[in-house]
N, C-alpha and C. Protein backbone atom coordinates (compact mmCIF):
# COMPACT_ATOMS: atom_id res chain seq x y z
N MET A 1 72.77 61.96 116.10
CA MET A 1 73.53 63.13 116.41
C MET A 1 73.53 64.07 115.14
N GLN A 2 73.37 65.33 115.43
CA GLN A 2 73.28 66.39 114.37
C GLN A 2 74.72 66.86 114.07
N SER A 3 74.98 66.93 112.75
CA SER A 3 76.33 67.51 112.43
C SER A 3 76.28 69.02 112.48
N SER A 4 77.47 69.63 112.76
CA SER A 4 77.57 71.10 112.86
C SER A 4 78.67 71.51 111.94
N THR A 5 78.47 72.74 111.36
CA THR A 5 79.47 73.26 110.50
C THR A 5 80.35 74.30 111.28
N VAL A 6 81.64 74.23 111.01
CA VAL A 6 82.57 75.17 111.63
C VAL A 6 83.24 75.92 110.47
N VAL A 7 83.28 77.25 110.60
CA VAL A 7 83.80 78.12 109.56
C VAL A 7 84.97 78.92 110.11
N VAL A 8 86.08 78.91 109.38
CA VAL A 8 87.24 79.67 109.73
C VAL A 8 87.37 80.79 108.71
N GLU A 9 87.43 82.04 109.09
CA GLU A 9 87.58 83.11 108.15
C GLU A 9 88.56 84.17 108.65
N GLY A 10 89.13 85.01 107.86
CA GLY A 10 89.99 86.03 108.36
C GLY A 10 90.65 86.75 107.23
N LEU A 11 91.63 87.60 107.60
CA LEU A 11 92.31 88.39 106.61
C LEU A 11 93.70 88.70 107.20
N GLY A 12 94.55 88.99 106.19
CA GLY A 12 95.88 89.42 106.51
C GLY A 12 96.24 90.55 105.57
N SER A 13 96.84 91.60 106.07
CA SER A 13 97.14 92.78 105.24
C SER A 13 98.47 93.42 105.72
N GLU A 14 99.28 93.74 104.71
CA GLU A 14 100.51 94.43 105.13
C GLU A 14 100.65 95.66 104.12
N ALA A 15 100.83 96.84 104.66
CA ALA A 15 100.94 98.03 103.87
C ALA A 15 102.13 98.79 104.22
N CYS A 16 102.77 99.45 103.25
CA CYS A 16 103.87 100.31 103.59
C CYS A 16 103.88 101.54 102.60
N SER A 17 104.50 102.56 103.00
CA SER A 17 104.53 103.71 102.22
C SER A 17 105.97 104.13 101.93
N ARG A 18 106.14 104.80 100.82
CA ARG A 18 107.46 105.27 100.40
C ARG A 18 107.92 106.41 101.30
N ALA A 19 106.90 107.11 101.85
CA ALA A 19 107.16 108.26 102.64
C ALA A 19 107.87 107.89 103.98
N ASP A 20 108.79 108.60 104.38
CA ASP A 20 109.53 108.29 105.62
C ASP A 20 108.75 108.41 106.95
N GLU A 21 107.66 109.22 106.85
CA GLU A 21 106.92 109.39 108.13
C GLU A 21 105.97 108.21 108.47
N ARG A 22 105.69 107.32 107.54
CA ARG A 22 104.83 106.13 107.78
C ARG A 22 105.70 104.91 107.93
N HIS A 23 105.17 103.97 108.79
CA HIS A 23 105.89 102.66 109.01
C HIS A 23 105.05 101.56 108.52
N ARG A 24 105.73 100.50 108.20
CA ARG A 24 104.98 99.27 107.68
C ARG A 24 103.90 98.88 108.64
N GLU A 25 102.71 98.69 108.12
CA GLU A 25 101.50 98.31 108.92
C GLU A 25 101.09 96.93 108.60
N THR A 26 100.88 96.10 109.67
CA THR A 26 100.49 94.78 109.53
C THR A 26 99.23 94.51 110.27
N LEU A 27 98.17 93.86 109.65
CA LEU A 27 96.89 93.60 110.27
C LEU A 27 96.59 92.12 110.02
N LEU A 28 96.29 91.42 111.07
CA LEU A 28 95.90 89.98 111.02
C LEU A 28 94.63 89.79 111.82
N ASP A 29 93.62 89.13 111.13
CA ASP A 29 92.32 88.94 111.79
C ASP A 29 91.85 87.54 111.45
N ALA A 30 91.57 86.73 112.51
CA ALA A 30 91.09 85.40 112.33
C ALA A 30 89.95 85.04 113.26
N VAL A 31 88.85 84.36 112.72
CA VAL A 31 87.73 84.05 113.52
C VAL A 31 87.30 82.52 113.17
N ARG A 32 87.01 81.84 114.22
CA ARG A 32 86.48 80.45 114.05
C ARG A 32 85.01 80.52 114.58
N MET A 33 84.07 80.13 113.74
CA MET A 33 82.69 80.21 114.07
C MET A 33 81.96 78.92 113.80
N ALA A 34 81.02 78.58 114.67
CA ALA A 34 80.19 77.43 114.54
C ALA A 34 78.81 77.71 114.14
N ASP A 35 78.09 76.88 113.35
CA ASP A 35 76.79 77.11 112.92
C ASP A 35 75.78 76.82 114.08
N VAL A 36 75.45 77.80 114.82
CA VAL A 36 74.55 77.67 115.96
C VAL A 36 73.11 77.68 115.55
N GLY A 37 72.83 78.08 114.37
CA GLY A 37 71.40 78.05 113.83
C GLY A 37 71.00 76.55 113.61
N SER A 38 71.93 75.69 113.35
CA SER A 38 71.56 74.25 113.15
C SER A 38 70.99 73.60 114.42
N LEU A 39 71.31 74.18 115.62
CA LEU A 39 70.78 73.69 116.89
C LEU A 39 69.26 73.93 116.89
N ALA A 40 68.74 74.97 116.27
CA ALA A 40 67.34 75.19 116.19
C ALA A 40 66.70 74.75 114.87
N GLY A 41 67.43 73.87 114.11
CA GLY A 41 66.88 73.42 112.91
C GLY A 41 66.95 74.39 111.70
N LYS A 42 67.71 75.51 111.82
CA LYS A 42 67.84 76.52 110.86
C LYS A 42 69.30 76.54 110.36
N LYS A 43 69.74 75.43 109.72
CA LYS A 43 71.18 75.30 109.33
C LYS A 43 71.62 76.48 108.44
N GLY A 44 72.79 77.02 108.70
CA GLY A 44 73.37 78.05 107.80
C GLY A 44 72.82 79.45 108.03
N THR A 45 72.06 79.68 109.08
CA THR A 45 71.46 80.99 109.30
C THR A 45 72.10 81.80 110.38
N VAL A 46 72.69 81.25 111.41
CA VAL A 46 73.30 82.01 112.49
C VAL A 46 74.63 81.32 112.86
N PHE A 47 75.71 82.09 112.87
CA PHE A 47 77.01 81.60 113.19
C PHE A 47 77.56 82.41 114.38
N ALA A 48 78.30 81.80 115.31
CA ALA A 48 78.89 82.48 116.41
C ALA A 48 80.25 81.83 116.79
N GLY A 49 81.10 82.68 117.25
CA GLY A 49 82.43 82.11 117.52
C GLY A 49 83.36 83.12 118.12
N VAL A 50 84.67 82.80 118.18
CA VAL A 50 85.68 83.65 118.81
C VAL A 50 86.80 83.82 117.80
N GLY A 51 87.59 84.88 117.99
CA GLY A 51 88.74 85.19 117.11
C GLY A 51 89.75 86.01 117.74
N HIS A 52 90.60 86.56 116.91
CA HIS A 52 91.79 87.31 117.43
C HIS A 52 92.19 88.33 116.44
N GLU A 53 92.51 89.54 116.83
CA GLU A 53 93.03 90.55 115.88
C GLU A 53 94.33 91.12 116.37
N TYR A 54 95.32 91.20 115.48
CA TYR A 54 96.65 91.76 115.83
C TYR A 54 96.91 92.87 114.80
N TRP A 55 97.20 94.06 115.26
CA TRP A 55 97.48 95.18 114.42
C TRP A 55 98.77 95.85 114.83
N GLN A 56 99.79 95.88 113.99
CA GLN A 56 101.15 96.50 114.25
C GLN A 56 101.25 97.73 113.55
N ASN A 57 101.71 98.86 114.10
CA ASN A 57 101.87 100.14 113.51
C ASN A 57 100.55 100.67 112.90
N LYS A 58 99.50 100.65 113.75
CA LYS A 58 98.14 101.02 113.35
C LYS A 58 98.22 102.38 112.61
N PHE A 59 97.59 102.46 111.47
CA PHE A 59 97.47 103.64 110.59
C PHE A 59 98.89 104.22 110.20
N GLY A 60 99.90 103.35 110.26
CA GLY A 60 101.22 103.74 109.89
C GLY A 60 102.03 104.44 110.98
N ALA A 61 101.53 104.46 112.16
CA ALA A 61 102.19 105.12 113.26
C ALA A 61 103.31 104.23 113.77
N ASN A 62 104.40 104.81 114.26
CA ASN A 62 105.53 104.15 114.75
C ASN A 62 105.27 103.57 116.12
N HIS A 63 105.19 102.27 116.34
CA HIS A 63 104.92 101.68 117.62
C HIS A 63 105.91 102.06 118.69
N ALA A 64 107.11 102.43 118.31
CA ALA A 64 108.15 102.76 119.33
C ALA A 64 107.93 104.16 119.90
N THR A 65 107.24 105.02 119.17
CA THR A 65 107.02 106.37 119.69
C THR A 65 105.50 106.73 119.86
N ALA A 66 104.57 105.97 119.45
CA ALA A 66 103.16 106.19 119.48
C ALA A 66 102.44 105.18 120.30
N PRO A 67 102.09 105.51 121.58
CA PRO A 67 101.33 104.56 122.41
C PRO A 67 100.09 104.04 121.73
N GLY A 68 99.82 102.84 121.78
CA GLY A 68 98.57 102.28 121.15
C GLY A 68 98.69 101.90 119.74
N ALA A 69 99.97 102.05 119.10
CA ALA A 69 100.06 101.85 117.65
C ALA A 69 100.04 100.29 117.42
N ASN A 70 100.31 99.48 118.45
CA ASN A 70 100.13 98.05 118.39
C ASN A 70 99.06 97.61 119.20
N THR A 71 98.13 96.80 118.68
CA THR A 71 97.01 96.28 119.45
C THR A 71 96.91 94.76 119.16
N SER A 72 96.46 94.06 120.16
CA SER A 72 96.22 92.60 120.10
C SER A 72 95.01 92.31 121.02
N THR A 73 93.93 91.84 120.43
CA THR A 73 92.74 91.65 121.18
C THR A 73 91.93 90.39 120.71
N GLY A 74 91.33 89.76 121.71
CA GLY A 74 90.39 88.65 121.38
C GLY A 74 89.00 89.25 121.14
N MET A 75 88.18 88.48 120.44
CA MET A 75 86.86 89.03 120.08
C MET A 75 85.88 87.88 120.04
N ARG A 76 84.67 88.24 120.19
CA ARG A 76 83.48 87.38 119.98
C ARG A 76 82.74 87.87 118.76
N LYS A 77 82.24 87.02 117.90
CA LYS A 77 81.49 87.45 116.70
C LYS A 77 80.30 86.55 116.44
N ALA A 78 79.24 87.19 116.03
CA ALA A 78 78.04 86.52 115.59
C ALA A 78 77.54 87.15 114.26
N GLU A 79 77.05 86.28 113.43
CA GLU A 79 76.51 86.82 112.15
C GLU A 79 75.46 85.84 111.62
């Protein structure tokens, strides 16, 4: 049986401004990927997986008054 590598990567960011017109912005992004290159004998060359991104108050917009200021979406990723 061949072993496979699983990689978890992501980021988290929170930004706020002292100006009253901007709101606290939160971005969370996480991806879990498997080494699919190892299936072809090329370990560590191709990774593929799924993840999720959550963004609140995108670009500092107020989610209460700006449609689309909050987003939450699943994603597929390959590298």
